[in-house]
Amino acid sequence: MNRMFRRYHRQLAIILCLPLFLTVLTGMGYTVAHEWLHQDELGEFLLGLHTLEIIHLEEIYPILNGLGLVGLLITGVTMTGLFRQRASQE
């Protein structure tokens, strides 16, 4: 069972690496450009890239990111062994 979760976790991580990296970098970039540097045009571009509004995926992209993260969380927590039943020591 643990082997199966490792495989799913590895596959999810490979698939989600680029979208999550894009989300993190553009989110940080937006904050720096808009709040610190007061570059509104660059901030708006980064926000459009952050939500993938540029290619009209702003409605589904956050849901896919969220579902992917929930999948990684479930497989990761399952692999830790926190929910395994321990053999009783008598």
N, C-alpha and C. Protein backbone atom coordinates (compact mmCIF):
# COMPACT_ATOMS: atom_id res chain seq x y z
N MET A 1 0.82 -1.19 0.00
CA MET A 1 0.00 0.00 0.00
C MET A 1 0.87 1.26 0.00
N ASN A 2 1.90 1.24 0.84
CA ASN A 2 2.79 2.39 0.93
C ASN A 2 3.51 2.63 -0.40
N ARG A 3 3.84 1.55 -1.07
CA ARG A 3 4.51 1.64 -2.37
C ARG A 3 3.62 2.33 -3.40
N MET A 4 2.31 2.02 -3.34
CA MET A 4 1.35 2.63 -4.26
C MET A 4 1.25 4.14 -4.01
N PHE A 5 1.19 4.53 -2.72
CA PHE A 5 1.11 5.96 -2.41
C PHE A 5 2.38 6.68 -2.82
N ARG A 6 3.52 6.05 -2.68
CA ARG A 6 4.77 6.67 -3.14
C ARG A 6 4.73 6.94 -4.64
N ARG A 7 4.23 5.95 -5.39
CA ARG A 7 4.15 6.10 -6.84
C ARG A 7 3.21 7.25 -7.21
N TYR A 8 2.02 7.29 -6.59
CA TYR A 8 1.07 8.38 -6.87
C TYR A 8 1.63 9.73 -6.45
N HIS A 9 2.29 9.76 -5.31
CA HIS A 9 2.86 11.01 -4.82
C HIS A 9 3.94 11.52 -5.79
N ARG A 10 4.77 10.62 -6.26
CA ARG A 10 5.83 10.99 -7.19
C ARG A 10 5.25 11.50 -8.51
N GLN A 11 4.24 10.83 -9.02
CA GLN A 11 3.61 11.26 -10.27
C GLN A 11 2.93 12.61 -10.12
N LEU A 12 2.21 12.80 -9.02
CA LEU A 12 1.57 14.10 -8.78
C LEU A 12 2.59 15.21 -8.65
N ALA A 13 3.68 14.94 -7.96
CA ALA A 13 4.71 15.96 -7.78
C ALA A 13 5.32 16.37 -9.11
N ILE A 14 5.56 15.42 -9.98
CA ILE A 14 6.12 15.73 -11.30
C ILE A 14 5.14 16.56 -12.12
N ILE A 15 3.87 16.18 -12.09
CA ILE A 15 2.85 16.90 -12.86
C ILE A 15 2.64 18.32 -12.34
N LEU A 16 2.63 18.48 -11.02
CA LEU A 16 2.30 19.77 -10.42
C LEU A 16 3.49 20.70 -10.21
N CYS A 17 4.67 20.24 -10.49
CA CYS A 17 5.87 21.04 -10.25
C CYS A 17 5.81 22.38 -10.99
N LEU A 18 5.57 22.38 -12.25
CA LEU A 18 5.57 23.61 -13.03
C LEU A 18 4.41 24.55 -12.68
N PRO A 19 3.16 24.06 -12.60
CA PRO A 19 2.07 24.99 -12.25
C PRO A 19 2.23 25.61 -10.86
N LEU A 20 2.66 24.82 -9.89
CA LEU A 20 2.84 25.38 -8.54
C LEU A 20 4.01 26.35 -8.49
N PHE A 21 5.07 26.04 -9.20
CA PHE A 21 6.22 26.93 -9.26
C PHE A 21 5.82 28.26 -9.91
N LEU A 22 5.02 28.19 -10.98
CA LEU A 22 4.52 29.40 -11.63
C LEU A 22 3.65 30.21 -10.68
N THR A 23 2.79 29.55 -9.94
CA THR A 23 1.90 30.23 -9.01
C THR A 23 2.69 30.93 -7.91
N VAL A 24 3.66 30.26 -7.36
CA VAL A 24 4.46 30.85 -6.27
C VAL A 24 5.29 32.03 -6.78
N LEU A 25 5.97 31.84 -7.90
CA LEU A 25 6.83 32.92 -8.41
C LEU A 25 6.03 34.16 -8.83
N THR A 26 4.91 33.97 -9.50
CA THR A 26 4.14 35.12 -9.93
C THR A 26 3.43 35.79 -8.76
N GLY A 27 3.05 35.01 -7.75
CA GLY A 27 2.45 35.60 -6.55
C GLY A 27 3.45 36.47 -5.80
N MET A 28 4.66 35.99 -5.65
CA MET A 28 5.70 36.79 -5.00
C MET A 28 6.09 37.98 -5.87
N GLY A 29 6.19 37.76 -7.17
CA GLY A 29 6.53 38.83 -8.09
C GLY A 29 5.50 39.94 -8.10
N TYR A 30 4.21 39.56 -8.02
CA TYR A 30 3.15 40.56 -7.98
C TYR A 30 3.28 41.43 -6.74
N THR A 31 3.54 40.81 -5.61
CA THR A 31 3.68 41.57 -4.37
C THR A 31 4.84 42.54 -4.45
N VAL A 32 5.96 42.09 -4.96
CA VAL A 32 7.13 42.96 -5.08
C VAL A 32 6.86 44.09 -6.07
N ALA A 33 6.32 43.76 -7.24
CA ALA A 33 6.10 44.78 -8.28
C ALA A 33 5.02 45.78 -7.88
N HIS A 34 3.93 45.31 -7.33
CA HIS A 34 2.79 46.19 -7.05
C HIS A 34 2.96 46.96 -5.74
N GLU A 35 3.33 46.27 -4.68
CA GLU A 35 3.38 46.90 -3.37
C GLU A 35 4.69 47.64 -3.11
N TRP A 36 5.80 47.06 -3.47
CA TRP A 36 7.08 47.66 -3.14
C TRP A 36 7.58 48.62 -4.21
N LEU A 37 7.47 48.22 -5.48
CA LEU A 37 8.03 49.03 -6.57
C LEU A 37 6.99 49.93 -7.22
N HIS A 38 5.72 49.75 -6.88
CA HIS A 38 4.62 50.54 -7.43
C HIS A 38 4.60 50.50 -8.97
N GLN A 39 4.85 49.34 -9.51
CA GLN A 39 4.81 49.12 -10.96
C GLN A 39 3.48 48.43 -11.28
N ASP A 40 2.45 49.23 -11.51
CA ASP A 40 1.11 48.68 -11.68
C ASP A 40 0.98 47.83 -12.95
N GLU A 41 1.61 48.25 -14.03
CA GLU A 41 1.51 47.49 -15.28
C GLU A 41 2.16 46.11 -15.14
N LEU A 42 3.34 46.07 -14.56
CA LEU A 42 4.02 44.79 -14.34
C LEU A 42 3.22 43.93 -13.37
N GLY A 43 2.66 44.57 -12.34
CA GLY A 43 1.84 43.85 -11.37
C GLY A 43 0.61 43.23 -12.01
N GLU A 44 -0.04 43.96 -12.89
CA GLU A 44 -1.23 43.42 -13.58
C GLU A 44 -0.86 42.27 -14.50
N PHE A 45 0.28 42.37 -15.19
CA PHE A 45 0.74 41.28 -16.04
C PHE A 45 1.01 40.03 -15.21
N LEU A 46 1.70 40.21 -14.08
CA LEU A 46 2.01 39.07 -13.22
C LEU A 46 0.75 38.46 -12.62
N LEU A 47 -0.23 39.29 -12.30
CA LEU A 47 -1.49 38.78 -11.77
C LEU A 47 -2.24 37.98 -12.85
N GLY A 48 -2.20 38.45 -14.08
CA GLY A 48 -2.81 37.70 -15.18
C GLY A 48 -2.12 36.37 -15.41
N LEU A 49 -0.81 36.36 -15.26
CA LEU A 49 -0.05 35.12 -15.39
C LEU A 49 -0.29 34.21 -14.19
N HIS A 50 -0.44 34.81 -13.02
CA HIS A 50 -0.68 34.06 -11.78
C HIS A 50 -1.98 33.27 -11.85
N THR A 51 -3.00 33.85 -12.41
CA THR A 51 -4.30 33.18 -12.52
C THR A 51 -4.50 32.51 -13.87
N LEU A 52 -3.53 32.61 -14.74
CA LEU A 52 -3.58 32.12 -16.13
C LEU A 52 -4.73 32.74 -16.90
N GLU A 53 -5.05 33.98 -16.55
CA GLU A 53 -6.07 34.73 -17.27
C GLU A 53 -5.62 34.99 -18.71
N ILE A 54 -4.31 34.98 -18.92
CA ILE A 54 -3.74 35.24 -20.24
C ILE A 54 -4.24 34.21 -21.26
N ILE A 55 -4.39 32.96 -20.84
CA ILE A 55 -4.88 31.93 -21.76
C ILE A 55 -6.28 31.45 -21.37
N HIS A 56 -7.02 32.30 -20.65
CA HIS A 56 -8.43 32.08 -20.31
C HIS A 56 -8.68 30.82 -19.47
N LEU A 57 -7.80 30.57 -18.50
CA LEU A 57 -7.99 29.45 -17.59
C LEU A 57 -8.21 29.91 -16.15
N GLU A 58 -8.58 31.18 -15.97
CA GLU A 58 -8.69 31.74 -14.63
C GLU A 58 -9.76 31.08 -13.78
N GLU A 59 -10.74 30.43 -14.40
CA GLU A 59 -11.80 29.80 -13.62
C GLU A 59 -11.43 28.40 -13.14
N ILE A 60 -10.61 27.68 -13.88
CA ILE A 60 -10.32 26.29 -13.54
C ILE A 60 -8.92 26.10 -12.94
N TYR A 61 -7.99 26.99 -13.22
CA TYR A 61 -6.61 26.84 -12.77
C TYR A 61 -6.48 26.76 -11.25
N PRO A 62 -7.13 27.64 -10.47
CA PRO A 62 -7.01 27.52 -9.01
C PRO A 62 -7.61 26.23 -8.47
N ILE A 63 -8.67 25.74 -9.09
CA ILE A 63 -9.28 24.48 -8.64
C ILE A 63 -8.33 23.32 -8.91
N LEU A 64 -7.69 23.31 -10.07
CA LEU A 64 -6.75 22.24 -10.39
C LEU A 64 -5.54 22.29 -9.46
N ASN A 65 -5.03 23.50 -9.19
CA ASN A 65 -3.92 23.64 -8.25
C ASN A 65 -4.31 23.12 -6.88
N GLY A 66 -5.49 23.49 -6.43
CA GLY A 66 -5.95 23.07 -5.11
C GLY A 66 -6.15 21.56 -5.02
N LEU A 67 -6.78 20.98 -6.03
CA LEU A 67 -6.98 19.53 -6.03
C LEU A 67 -5.65 18.78 -6.06
N GLY A 68 -4.71 19.29 -6.82
CA GLY A 68 -3.38 18.67 -6.86
C GLY A 68 -2.69 18.73 -5.52
N LEU A 69 -2.79 19.88 -4.85
CA LEU A 69 -2.18 20.00 -3.52
C LEU A 69 -2.85 19.10 -2.50
N VAL A 70 -4.17 18.97 -2.57
CA VAL A 70 -4.87 18.05 -1.67
C VAL A 70 -4.41 16.61 -1.92
N GLY A 71 -4.25 16.25 -3.17
CA GLY A 71 -3.74 14.92 -3.50
C GLY A 71 -2.35 14.68 -2.95
N LEU A 72 -1.47 15.67 -3.11
CA LEU A 72 -0.12 15.54 -2.55
C LEU A 72 -0.15 15.45 -1.03
N LEU A 73 -1.03 16.21 -0.41
CA LEU A 73 -1.15 16.18 1.04
C LEU A 73 -1.64 14.82 1.52
N ILE A 74 -2.65 14.28 0.88
CA ILE A 74 -3.19 12.98 1.29
C ILE A 74 -2.15 11.88 1.11
N THR A 75 -1.51 11.83 -0.03
CA THR A 75 -0.51 10.78 -0.25
C THR A 75 0.70 10.97 0.66
N GLY A 76 1.08 12.21 0.91
CA GLY A 76 2.23 12.46 1.79
C GLY A 76 1.95 12.09 3.23
N VAL A 77 0.78 12.46 3.74
CA VAL A 77 0.44 12.14 5.12
C VAL A 77 0.25 10.64 5.28
N THR A 78 -0.30 9.98 4.29
CA THR A 78 -0.49 8.53 4.35
C THR A 78 0.86 7.82 4.43
N MET A 79 1.84 8.33 3.71
CA MET A 79 3.16 7.69 3.73
C MET A 79 3.89 7.88 5.05
N THR A 80 3.51 8.86 5.85
CA THR A 80 4.21 9.08 7.12
C THR A 80 3.93 7.98 8.13
N GLY A 81 2.82 7.28 7.98
CA GLY A 81 2.49 6.21 8.90
C GLY A 81 1.72 6.67 10.11
N LEU A 82 1.23 7.89 10.11
CA LEU A 82 0.47 8.39 11.26
C LEU A 82 -0.83 7.64 11.48
N PHE A 83 -1.39 7.06 10.44
CA PHE A 83 -2.68 6.39 10.54
C PHE A 83 -2.58 4.87 10.54
N ARG A 84 -1.39 4.35 10.68
CA ARG A 84 -1.24 2.90 10.73
C ARG A 84 -1.65 2.40 12.11
N GLN A 85 -2.24 1.24 12.11
CA GLN A 85 -2.57 0.63 13.39
C GLN A 85 -1.35 -0.12 13.90
N ARG A 86 -1.01 0.16 15.11
CA ARG A 86 0.14 -0.48 15.72
C ARG A 86 -0.27 -1.85 16.26
N ALA A 87 0.62 -2.78 16.16
CA ALA A 87 0.37 -4.11 16.72
C ALA A 87 0.41 -3.99 18.24
N SER A 88 -0.56 -4.57 18.89
CA SER A 88 -0.61 -4.46 20.35
C SER A 88 0.50 -5.29 20.97
N GLN A 89 1.17 -4.74 21.93
CA GLN A 89 2.28 -5.42 22.60
C GLN A 89 1.77 -5.96 23.93
N GLU A 90 1.59 -7.24 24.00
CA GLU A 90 1.10 -7.86 25.22
C GLU A 90 2.08 -8.84 25.75
